[in-house]
C-alpha atoms as a PDB file:
ATOM      1  CA  MET A   1      35.983   0.157-121.166  1.00  0.00           C
ATOM      2  CA  PRO A   2      39.140  -0.957-122.996  1.00  0.00           C
ATOM      3  CA  TYR A   3      39.898   0.606-126.362  1.00  0.00           C
ATOM      4  CA  SER A   4      40.843  -2.712-127.973  1.00  0.00           C
ATOM      5  CA  THR A   5      39.835  -6.325-127.485  1.00  0.00           C
ATOM      6  CA  THR A   6      41.833  -9.343-126.433  1.00  0.00           C
ATOM      7  CA  ALA A   7      41.063 -11.051-129.749  1.00  0.00           C
ATOM      8  CA  ASN A   8      42.261  -8.043-131.778  1.00  0.00           C
ATOM      9  CA  VAL A   9      45.509  -7.755-129.817  1.00  0.00           C
ATOM     10  CA  ARG A  10      46.049 -11.513-130.104  1.00  0.00           C
ATOM     11  CA  ALA A  11      45.654 -11.255-133.894  1.00  0.00           C
ATOM     12  CA  GLU A  12      47.858  -8.141-134.123  1.00  0.00           C
ATOM     13  CA  GLY A  13      50.666  -9.946-132.308  1.00  0.00           C
ATOM     14  CA  GLY A  14      50.234 -13.139-134.314  1.00  0.00           C
ATOM     15  CA  PHE A  15      49.071 -15.215-131.333  1.00  0.00           C
ATOM     16  CA  GLU A  16      45.719 -16.518-132.615  1.00  0.00           C
ATOM     17  CA  GLU A  17      46.781 -20.154-132.219  1.00  0.00           C
ATOM     18  CA  ASN A  18      49.163 -19.723-129.273  1.00  0.00           C
ATOM     19  CA  THR A  19      47.543 -21.132-126.141  1.00  0.00           C
ATOM     20  CA  ASN A  20      50.566 -20.171-124.011  1.00  0.00           C
ATOM     21  CA  VAL A  21      49.594 -16.511-124.277  1.00  0.00           C
ATOM     22  CA  THR A  22      46.630 -16.179-121.922  1.00  0.00           C
ATOM     23  CA  ASP A  23      43.795 -13.700-122.251  1.00  0.00           C
ATOM     24  CA  ALA A  24      44.704 -12.351-118.799  1.00  0.00           C
ATOM     25  CA  LEU A  25      48.246 -11.591-119.986  1.00  0.00           C
ATOM     26  CA  ILE A  26      46.942  -9.766-123.043  1.00  0.00           C
ATOM     27  CA  ASP A  27      44.380  -7.872-120.935  1.00  0.00           C
ATOM     28  CA  GLY A  28      47.215  -6.592-118.742  1.00  0.00           C
ATOM     29  CA  TYR A  29      48.979  -5.145-121.774  1.00  0.00           C
ATOM     30  CA  ILE A  30      45.717  -3.596-122.992  1.00  0.00           C
ATOM     31  CA  VAL A  31      45.408  -1.826-119.612  1.00  0.00           C
ATOM     32  CA  GLN A  32      48.963  -0.486-119.978  1.00  0.00           C
ATOM     33  CA  ALA A  33      48.358   0.644-123.565  1.00  0.00           C
ATOM     34  CA  ASP A  34      45.084   2.367-122.687  1.00  0.00           C
ATOM     35  CA  ALA A  35      46.691   4.136-119.729  1.00  0.00           C
ATOM     36  CA  GLU A  36      49.375   5.498-122.061  1.00  0.00           C
ATOM     37  CA  ILE A  37      46.696   6.692-124.479  1.00  0.00           C
ATOM     38  CA  ASP A  38      44.688   8.402-121.724  1.00  0.00           C
ATOM     39  CA  ALA A  39      47.774  10.043-120.215  1.00  0.00           C
ATOM     40  CA  THR A  40      48.840  11.384-123.603  1.00  0.00           C
ATOM     41  CA  LEU A  41      45.459  12.654-124.785  1.00  0.00           C
ATOM     42  CA  THR A  42      44.056  14.088-121.552  1.00  0.00           C
ATOM     43  CA  ARG A  43      45.394  17.573-122.357  1.00  0.00           C
ATOM     44  CA  VAL A  44      43.918  17.545-125.850  1.00  0.00           C
ATOM     45  CA  TYR A  45      40.601  15.674-125.726  1.00  0.00           C
ATOM     46  CA  VAL A  46      37.792  15.602-123.185  1.00  0.00           C
ATOM     47  CA  MET A  47      38.255  12.336-121.329  1.00  0.00           C
ATOM     48  CA  PRO A  48      36.813   9.806-121.074  1.00  0.00           C
ATOM     49  CA  LEU A  49      36.117   9.679-124.786  1.00  0.00           C
ATOM     50  CA  SER A  50      32.411   9.411-125.584  1.00  0.00           C
ATOM     51  CA  GLU A  51      33.163   6.502-127.942  1.00  0.00           C
ATOM     52  CA  THR A  52      36.237   4.663-129.152  1.00  0.00           C
ATOM     53  CA  PRO A  53      37.364   6.075-132.505  1.00  0.00           C
ATOM     54  CA  ALA A  54      38.884   3.576-134.944  1.00  0.00           C
ATOM     55  CA  LEU A  55      42.268   5.300-134.692  1.00  0.00           C
ATOM     56  CA  ILE A  56      42.334   4.871-130.901  1.00  0.00           C
ATOM     57  CA  GLU A  57      41.409   1.193-131.222  1.00  0.00           C
ATOM     58  CA  PHE A  58      44.289   0.810-133.680  1.00  0.00           C
ATOM     59  CA  VAL A  59      46.749   2.630-131.396  1.00  0.00           C
ATOM     60  CA  SER A  60      45.664   0.527-128.407  1.00  0.00           C
ATOM     61  CA  ARG A  61      46.079  -2.655-130.435  1.00  0.00           C
ATOM     62  CA  GLN A  62      49.522  -1.588-131.680  1.00  0.00           C
ATOM     63  CA  LEU A  63      50.751  -0.618-128.214  1.00  0.00           C
ATOM     64  CA  ALA A  64      49.379  -3.696-126.454  1.00  0.00           C
ATOM     65  CA  ALA A  65      50.736  -6.105-129.086  1.00  0.00           C
ATOM     66  CA  GLY A  66      54.054  -4.259-129.128  1.00  0.00           C
ATOM     67  CA  LEU A  67      54.382  -4.482-125.359  1.00  0.00           C
ATOM     68  CA  LEU A  68      53.469  -8.163-125.446  1.00  0.00           C
ATOM     69  CA  LEU A  69      56.035  -8.960-128.139  1.00  0.00           C
ATOM     70  CA  GLU A  70      58.761  -6.871-126.525  1.00  0.00           C
ATOM     71  CA  LYS A  71      58.281  -7.975-122.911  1.00  0.00           C
ATOM     72  CA  GLU A  72      57.331 -11.631-123.324  1.00  0.00           C
ATOM     73  CA  TYR A  73      59.347 -12.510-126.429  1.00  0.00           C
ATOM     74  CA  GLY A  74      62.203 -10.001-126.273  1.00  0.00           C
ATOM     75  CA  TYR A  75      64.778 -12.783-126.427  1.00  0.00           C
ATOM     76  CA  ASP A  76      63.701 -13.430-130.048  1.00  0.00           C
ATOM     77  CA  ASP A  77      65.162 -10.728-132.308  1.00  0.00           C
ATOM     78  CA  GLY A  78      62.289 -10.943-134.809  1.00  0.00           C
ATOM     79  CA  ALA A  79      59.601 -10.638-132.140  1.00  0.00           C
ATOM     80  CA  ARG A  80      61.462  -7.843-130.356  1.00  0.00           C
ATOM     81  CA  ASP A  81      61.891  -5.910-133.619  1.00  0.00           C
ATOM     82  CA  ALA A  82      58.219  -6.388-134.524  1.00  0.00           C
ATOM     83  CA  GLY A  83      57.228  -5.228-131.023  1.00  0.00           C
ATOM     84  CA  GLU A  84      59.436  -2.157-131.243  1.00  0.00           C
ATOM     85  CA  ARG A  85      57.969  -1.219-134.639  1.00  0.00           C
ATOM     86  CA  LYS A  86      54.424  -1.519-133.281  1.00  0.00           C
ATOM     87  CA  LEU A  87      55.317   0.597-130.246  1.00  0.00           C
ATOM     88  CA  GLU A  88      56.997   3.249-132.402  1.00  0.00           C
ATOM     89  CA  ASN A  89      54.010   3.349-134.742  1.00  0.00           C
ATOM     90  CA  GLY A  90      51.454   3.621-131.924  1.00  0.00           C
ATOM     91  CA  ARG A  91      53.454   6.251-130.057  1.00  0.00           C
ATOM     92  CA  GLN A  92      53.973   8.316-133.209  1.00  0.00           C
ATOM     93  CA  LEU A  93      50.229   8.352-133.804  1.00  0.00           C
ATOM     94  CA  LEU A  94      49.688   9.431-130.182  1.00  0.00           C
ATOM     95  CA  LYS A  95      52.268  12.204-130.599  1.00  0.00           C
ATOM     96  CA  ASP A  96      50.504  13.375-133.763  1.00  0.00           C
ATOM     97  CA  LEU A  97      47.198  13.485-131.877  1.00  0.00           C
ATOM     98  CA  ALA A  98      48.750  15.316-128.921  1.00  0.00           C
ATOM     99  CA  ASP A  99      50.426  17.816-131.282  1.00  0.00           C
ATOM    100  CA  LYS A 100      47.116  18.206-133.141  1.00  0.00           C
ATOM    101  CA  THR A 101      48.645  17.256-136.493  1.00  0.00           C
ATOM    102  CA  LYS A 102      46.011  14.500-136.551  1.00  0.00           C
ATOM    103  CA  ILE A 103      42.515  14.669-135.071  1.00  0.00           C
ATOM    104  CA  LEU A 104      40.131  12.076-133.705  1.00  0.00           C
ATOM    105  CA  LEU A 105      36.880  11.517-135.562  1.00  0.00           C
ATOM    106  CA  ASP A 106      33.814   9.860-134.105  1.00  0.00           C
ATOM    107  CA  SER A 107      31.641   7.312-135.912  1.00  0.00           C
ATOM    108  CA  SER A 108      29.832  10.169-137.722  1.00  0.00           C
ATOM    109  CA  ASN A 109      33.163  11.567-138.991  1.00  0.00           C
ATOM    110  CA  GLU A 110      32.805  14.555-136.667  1.00  0.00           C
ATOM    111  CA  GLN A 111      35.756  15.794-134.655  1.00  0.00           C
ATOM    112  CA  MET A 112      35.818  14.489-131.076  1.00  0.00           C
ATOM    113  CA  THR A 113      35.444  17.123-128.344  1.00  0.00           C
ATOM    114  CA  MET A 114      38.732  18.814-127.565  1.00  0.00           C
ATOM    115  CA  VAL A 115      39.761  20.483-124.338  1.00  0.00           C
ATOM    116  CA  GLU A 116      39.276  24.240-124.506  1.00  0.00           C
ATOM    117  CA  SER A 117      42.581  25.964-124.951  1.00  0.00           C
ATOM    118  CA  GLY A 118      43.364  29.153-123.156  1.00  0.00           C
ATOM    119  CA  SER A 119      44.817  30.412-119.985  1.00  0.00           C
ATOM    120  CA  ILE A 120      44.465  28.781-116.627  1.00  0.00           C
ATOM    121  CA  LYS A 121      41.688  30.349-114.581  1.00  0.00           C
ATOM    122  CA  PHE A 122      42.126  31.090-110.907  1.00  0.00           C
ATOM    123  CA  SER A 123      39.672  32.219-108.326  1.00  0.00           C
ATOM    124  CA  PRO A 124      39.543  34.844-107.022  1.00  0.00           C
ATOM    125  CA  ASN A 125      40.809  36.791-110.012  1.00  0.00           C
ATOM    126  CA  ALA A 126      40.650  40.389-111.201  1.00  0.00           C
ATOM    127  CA  ALA A 127      37.003  39.949-112.233  1.00  0.00           C
ATOM    128  CA  SER A 128      35.924  38.430-108.899  1.00  0.00           C
ATOM    129  CA  THR A 129      33.414  40.310-106.817  1.00  0.00           C
ATOM    130  CA  THR A 130      33.966  38.330-103.629  1.00  0.00           C
ATOM    131  CA  GLU A 131      36.116  39.836-100.915  1.00  0.00           C
ATOM    132  CA  ARG A 132      39.453  38.147-100.330  1.00  0.00           C
ATOM    133  CA  LYS A 133      39.715  36.260 -97.048  1.00  0.00           C
ATOM    134  CA  PHE A 134      43.455  36.797 -96.593  1.00  0.00           C
ATOM    135  CA  SER A 135      46.437  38.470 -98.241  1.00  0.00           C
ATOM    136  CA  MET A 136      50.096  37.623 -98.646  1.00  0.00           C
ATOM    137  CA  ASP A 137      51.248  40.080 -95.976  1.00  0.00           C
ATOM    138  CA  GLN A 138      49.192  38.506 -93.176  1.00  0.00           C
ATOM    139  CA  GLU A 139      50.919  36.439 -90.501  1.00  0.00           C
ATOM    140  CA  PHE A 140      49.289  33.490 -88.773  1.00  0.00           C
END
């Protein structure tokens, strides 16, 4: 499920009355924005998120509108600058979430489930009771 809606991205970009900007075009930018969010947060939060926090909806809206303004209207300095500011803002918020300087809260104002930090676990390891099937000095 997308983190933001077509109508919200349309409003964020200032395209409420613009019939030349299709819903399908906006939906494509929402997919790109949400992919960037998922790729950034997958090491910090359990994905998929159990619900869409308001901050993630905002970031998705900023990124999608920024991409739309930058890619489709980049020839216009004002639109390009507005798009770049939205992208910078959304990406800074993502960085803050990835760096854990900001946290995601659910609708009950509880912290969203984070990925357990710690070392990578391999099997078999020193605590394993199963016999190893091969060793590094074997030749095949």
